[in-house]
Amino acid sequence: MDKTLLEEVLMLNASEKLALIEVLYESLDKPDPEVDKAWLDVAAERQAAVLKGEARLISSDEVFGKYR
């Protein structure tokens, strides 16, 4: 990272820093249609397995009970 840029950023006031953080965060949070499609496919496969009786649902109490 450019040291000059970092020094300039650190000189910003709190509200300017927050605004910069928001812009940077939003620039990282871009949807990826391929990843979204892959997750939808996985969810559909899991739902189909449950509906066919090939998989069973486990309650959160059962899952978390193993770790208490």
N, C-alpha and C. Protein backbone atom coordinates (compact mmCIF):
# COMPACT_ATOMS: atom_id res chain seq x y z
N MET A 1 0.85 -1.17 0.00
CA MET A 1 0.00 0.00 0.00
C MET A 1 0.90 1.24 0.00
N ASP A 2 0.46 2.20 -0.71
CA ASP A 2 1.19 3.47 -0.82
C ASP A 2 1.17 4.18 0.54
N LYS A 3 2.34 4.45 1.08
CA LYS A 3 2.45 5.08 2.39
C LYS A 3 1.79 6.47 2.40
N THR A 4 1.95 7.21 1.33
CA THR A 4 1.35 8.55 1.24
C THR A 4 -0.17 8.46 1.30
N LEU A 5 -0.73 7.50 0.57
CA LEU A 5 -2.18 7.32 0.58
C LEU A 5 -2.65 6.98 1.99
N LEU A 6 -1.96 6.07 2.66
CA LEU A 6 -2.33 5.70 4.02
C LEU A 6 -2.27 6.91 4.96
N GLU A 7 -1.23 7.71 4.83
CA GLU A 7 -1.11 8.90 5.67
C GLU A 7 -2.27 9.86 5.43
N GLU A 8 -2.65 10.02 4.17
CA GLU A 8 -3.77 10.92 3.84
C GLU A 8 -5.08 10.39 4.42
N VAL A 9 -5.28 9.09 4.31
CA VAL A 9 -6.50 8.50 4.83
C VAL A 9 -6.57 8.66 6.35
N LEU A 10 -5.47 8.46 7.02
CA LEU A 10 -5.45 8.59 8.47
C LEU A 10 -5.70 10.02 8.94
N MET A 11 -5.50 10.99 8.07
CA MET A 11 -5.75 12.39 8.42
C MET A 11 -7.23 12.77 8.26
N LEU A 12 -8.04 11.91 7.66
CA LEU A 12 -9.46 12.19 7.49
C LEU A 12 -10.14 12.22 8.85
N ASN A 13 -11.24 12.98 8.94
CA ASN A 13 -12.01 12.96 10.18
C ASN A 13 -12.87 11.69 10.21
N ALA A 14 -13.51 11.43 11.32
CA ALA A 14 -14.23 10.18 11.52
C ALA A 14 -15.32 9.95 10.47
N SER A 15 -16.09 10.98 10.16
CA SER A 15 -17.18 10.80 9.19
C SER A 15 -16.64 10.54 7.78
N GLU A 16 -15.51 11.17 7.45
CA GLU A 16 -14.90 10.92 6.14
C GLU A 16 -14.34 9.49 6.07
N LYS A 17 -13.75 9.03 7.17
CA LYS A 17 -13.24 7.66 7.21
C LYS A 17 -14.38 6.66 7.04
N LEU A 18 -15.49 6.93 7.74
CA LEU A 18 -16.64 6.04 7.64
C LEU A 18 -17.18 6.01 6.21
N ALA A 19 -17.27 7.17 5.58
CA ALA A 19 -17.74 7.23 4.19
C ALA A 19 -16.81 6.44 3.28
N LEU A 20 -15.51 6.56 3.49
CA LEU A 20 -14.52 5.81 2.70
C LEU A 20 -14.68 4.31 2.92
N ILE A 21 -14.86 3.92 4.16
CA ILE A 21 -15.06 2.50 4.47
C ILE A 21 -16.29 1.95 3.75
N GLU A 22 -17.37 2.71 3.76
CA GLU A 22 -18.59 2.28 3.09
C GLU A 22 -18.38 2.11 1.60
N VAL A 23 -17.68 3.06 0.98
CA VAL A 23 -17.41 2.97 -0.46
C VAL A 23 -16.54 1.75 -0.76
N LEU A 24 -15.51 1.55 0.04
CA LEU A 24 -14.61 0.40 -0.17
C LEU A 24 -15.36 -0.92 0.03
N TYR A 25 -16.18 -0.99 1.07
CA TYR A 25 -16.94 -2.21 1.32
C TYR A 25 -17.88 -2.52 0.16
N GLU A 26 -18.60 -1.52 -0.29
CA GLU A 26 -19.53 -1.72 -1.40
C GLU A 26 -18.80 -2.15 -2.67
N SER A 27 -17.57 -1.68 -2.85
CA SER A 27 -16.81 -2.06 -4.03
C SER A 27 -16.40 -3.54 -3.98
N LEU A 28 -16.33 -4.11 -2.79
CA LEU A 28 -15.97 -5.52 -2.63
C LEU A 28 -17.18 -6.43 -2.72
N ASP A 29 -18.34 -5.92 -2.41
CA ASP A 29 -19.55 -6.72 -2.29
C ASP A 29 -20.33 -6.74 -3.60
N LYS A 30 -19.70 -7.28 -4.65
CA LYS A 30 -20.35 -7.36 -5.95
C LYS A 30 -20.91 -8.76 -6.14
N PRO A 31 -22.19 -8.88 -6.50
CA PRO A 31 -22.75 -10.20 -6.73
C PRO A 31 -22.07 -10.88 -7.91
N ASP A 32 -21.91 -12.17 -7.80
CA ASP A 32 -21.33 -12.97 -8.88
C ASP A 32 -22.42 -13.92 -9.36
N PRO A 33 -22.96 -13.70 -10.55
CA PRO A 33 -24.07 -14.53 -11.04
C PRO A 33 -23.73 -16.02 -11.07
N GLU A 34 -22.49 -16.37 -11.35
CA GLU A 34 -22.11 -17.78 -11.38
C GLU A 34 -22.17 -18.40 -9.98
N VAL A 35 -21.70 -17.66 -8.99
CA VAL A 35 -21.75 -18.16 -7.61
C VAL A 35 -23.20 -18.25 -7.15
N ASP A 36 -24.00 -17.24 -7.45
CA ASP A 36 -25.41 -17.26 -7.07
C ASP A 36 -26.13 -18.45 -7.70
N LYS A 37 -25.84 -18.72 -8.97
CA LYS A 37 -26.45 -19.87 -9.67
C LYS A 37 -26.02 -21.17 -9.02
N ALA A 38 -24.75 -21.29 -8.67
CA ALA A 38 -24.26 -22.51 -8.03
C ALA A 38 -24.96 -22.76 -6.70
N TRP A 39 -25.15 -21.70 -5.91
CA TRP A 39 -25.84 -21.86 -4.62
C TRP A 39 -27.30 -22.23 -4.83
N LEU A 40 -27.95 -21.64 -5.84
CA LEU A 40 -29.34 -22.01 -6.13
C LEU A 40 -29.44 -23.47 -6.53
N ASP A 41 -28.48 -23.95 -7.31
CA ASP A 41 -28.46 -25.36 -7.73
C ASP A 41 -28.31 -26.28 -6.52
N VAL A 42 -27.40 -25.93 -5.63
CA VAL A 42 -27.19 -26.74 -4.41
C VAL A 42 -28.46 -26.75 -3.56
N ALA A 43 -29.08 -25.59 -3.39
CA ALA A 43 -30.30 -25.51 -2.59
C ALA A 43 -31.41 -26.35 -3.21
N ALA A 44 -31.55 -26.30 -4.53
CA ALA A 44 -32.58 -27.08 -5.21
C ALA A 44 -32.32 -28.58 -5.06
N GLU A 45 -31.06 -28.99 -5.16
CA GLU A 45 -30.71 -30.40 -4.99
C GLU A 45 -31.02 -30.87 -3.57
N ARG A 46 -30.70 -30.05 -2.58
CA ARG A 46 -30.97 -30.41 -1.19
C ARG A 46 -32.46 -30.49 -0.92
N GLN A 47 -33.20 -29.53 -1.47
CA GLN A 47 -34.66 -29.55 -1.29
C GLN A 47 -35.24 -30.80 -1.93
N ALA A 48 -34.80 -31.15 -3.12
CA ALA A 48 -35.31 -32.34 -3.80
C ALA A 48 -34.99 -33.59 -3.00
N ALA A 49 -33.80 -33.67 -2.43
CA ALA A 49 -33.42 -34.84 -1.63
C ALA A 49 -34.31 -34.98 -0.40
N VAL A 50 -34.64 -33.87 0.24
CA VAL A 50 -35.52 -33.91 1.41
C VAL A 50 -36.92 -34.34 0.99
N LEU A 51 -37.43 -33.76 -0.09
CA LEU A 51 -38.78 -34.10 -0.54
C LEU A 51 -38.90 -35.56 -0.97
N LYS A 52 -37.82 -36.14 -1.51
CA LYS A 52 -37.83 -37.55 -1.93
C LYS A 52 -37.56 -38.50 -0.77
N GLY A 53 -37.24 -37.95 0.38
CA GLY A 53 -36.94 -38.79 1.53
C GLY A 53 -35.52 -39.32 1.53
N GLU A 54 -34.67 -38.77 0.68
CA GLU A 54 -33.28 -39.20 0.58
C GLU A 54 -32.40 -38.53 1.63
N ALA A 55 -32.91 -37.50 2.24
CA ALA A 55 -32.18 -36.78 3.28
C ALA A 55 -33.19 -36.39 4.34
N ARG A 56 -32.71 -36.23 5.56
CA ARG A 56 -33.64 -35.83 6.61
C ARG A 56 -33.19 -34.49 7.19
N LEU A 57 -34.16 -33.75 7.67
CA LEU A 57 -33.88 -32.47 8.30
C LEU A 57 -33.50 -32.72 9.76
N ILE A 58 -32.58 -31.94 10.25
CA ILE A 58 -32.13 -32.05 11.63
C ILE A 58 -32.44 -30.73 12.32
N SER A 59 -33.06 -30.81 13.49
CA SER A 59 -33.40 -29.58 14.21
C SER A 59 -32.14 -28.91 14.73
N SER A 60 -32.23 -27.62 14.92
CA SER A 60 -31.07 -26.88 15.45
C SER A 60 -30.72 -27.36 16.85
N ASP A 61 -31.74 -27.77 17.64
CA ASP A 61 -31.47 -28.30 18.99
C ASP A 61 -30.59 -29.54 18.91
N GLU A 62 -30.89 -30.41 17.95
CA GLU A 62 -30.09 -31.62 17.78
C GLU A 62 -28.66 -31.29 17.36
N VAL A 63 -28.54 -30.37 16.42
CA VAL A 63 -27.20 -29.99 15.94
C VAL A 63 -26.38 -29.35 17.06
N PHE A 64 -26.94 -28.33 17.68
CA PHE A 64 -26.19 -27.60 18.71
C PHE A 64 -26.04 -28.41 19.99
N GLY A 65 -26.95 -29.36 20.22
CA GLY A 65 -26.85 -30.22 21.39
C GLY A 65 -25.57 -31.04 21.39
N LYS A 66 -25.05 -31.34 20.22
CA LYS A 66 -23.81 -32.11 20.11
C LYS A 66 -22.60 -31.33 20.62
N TYR A 67 -22.74 -30.01 20.65
CA TYR A 67 -21.59 -29.17 20.99
C TYR A 67 -21.71 -28.50 22.35
N ARG A 68 -22.70 -28.92 23.13
CA ARG A 68 -22.88 -28.32 24.46
C ARG A 68 -22.11 -29.10 25.47
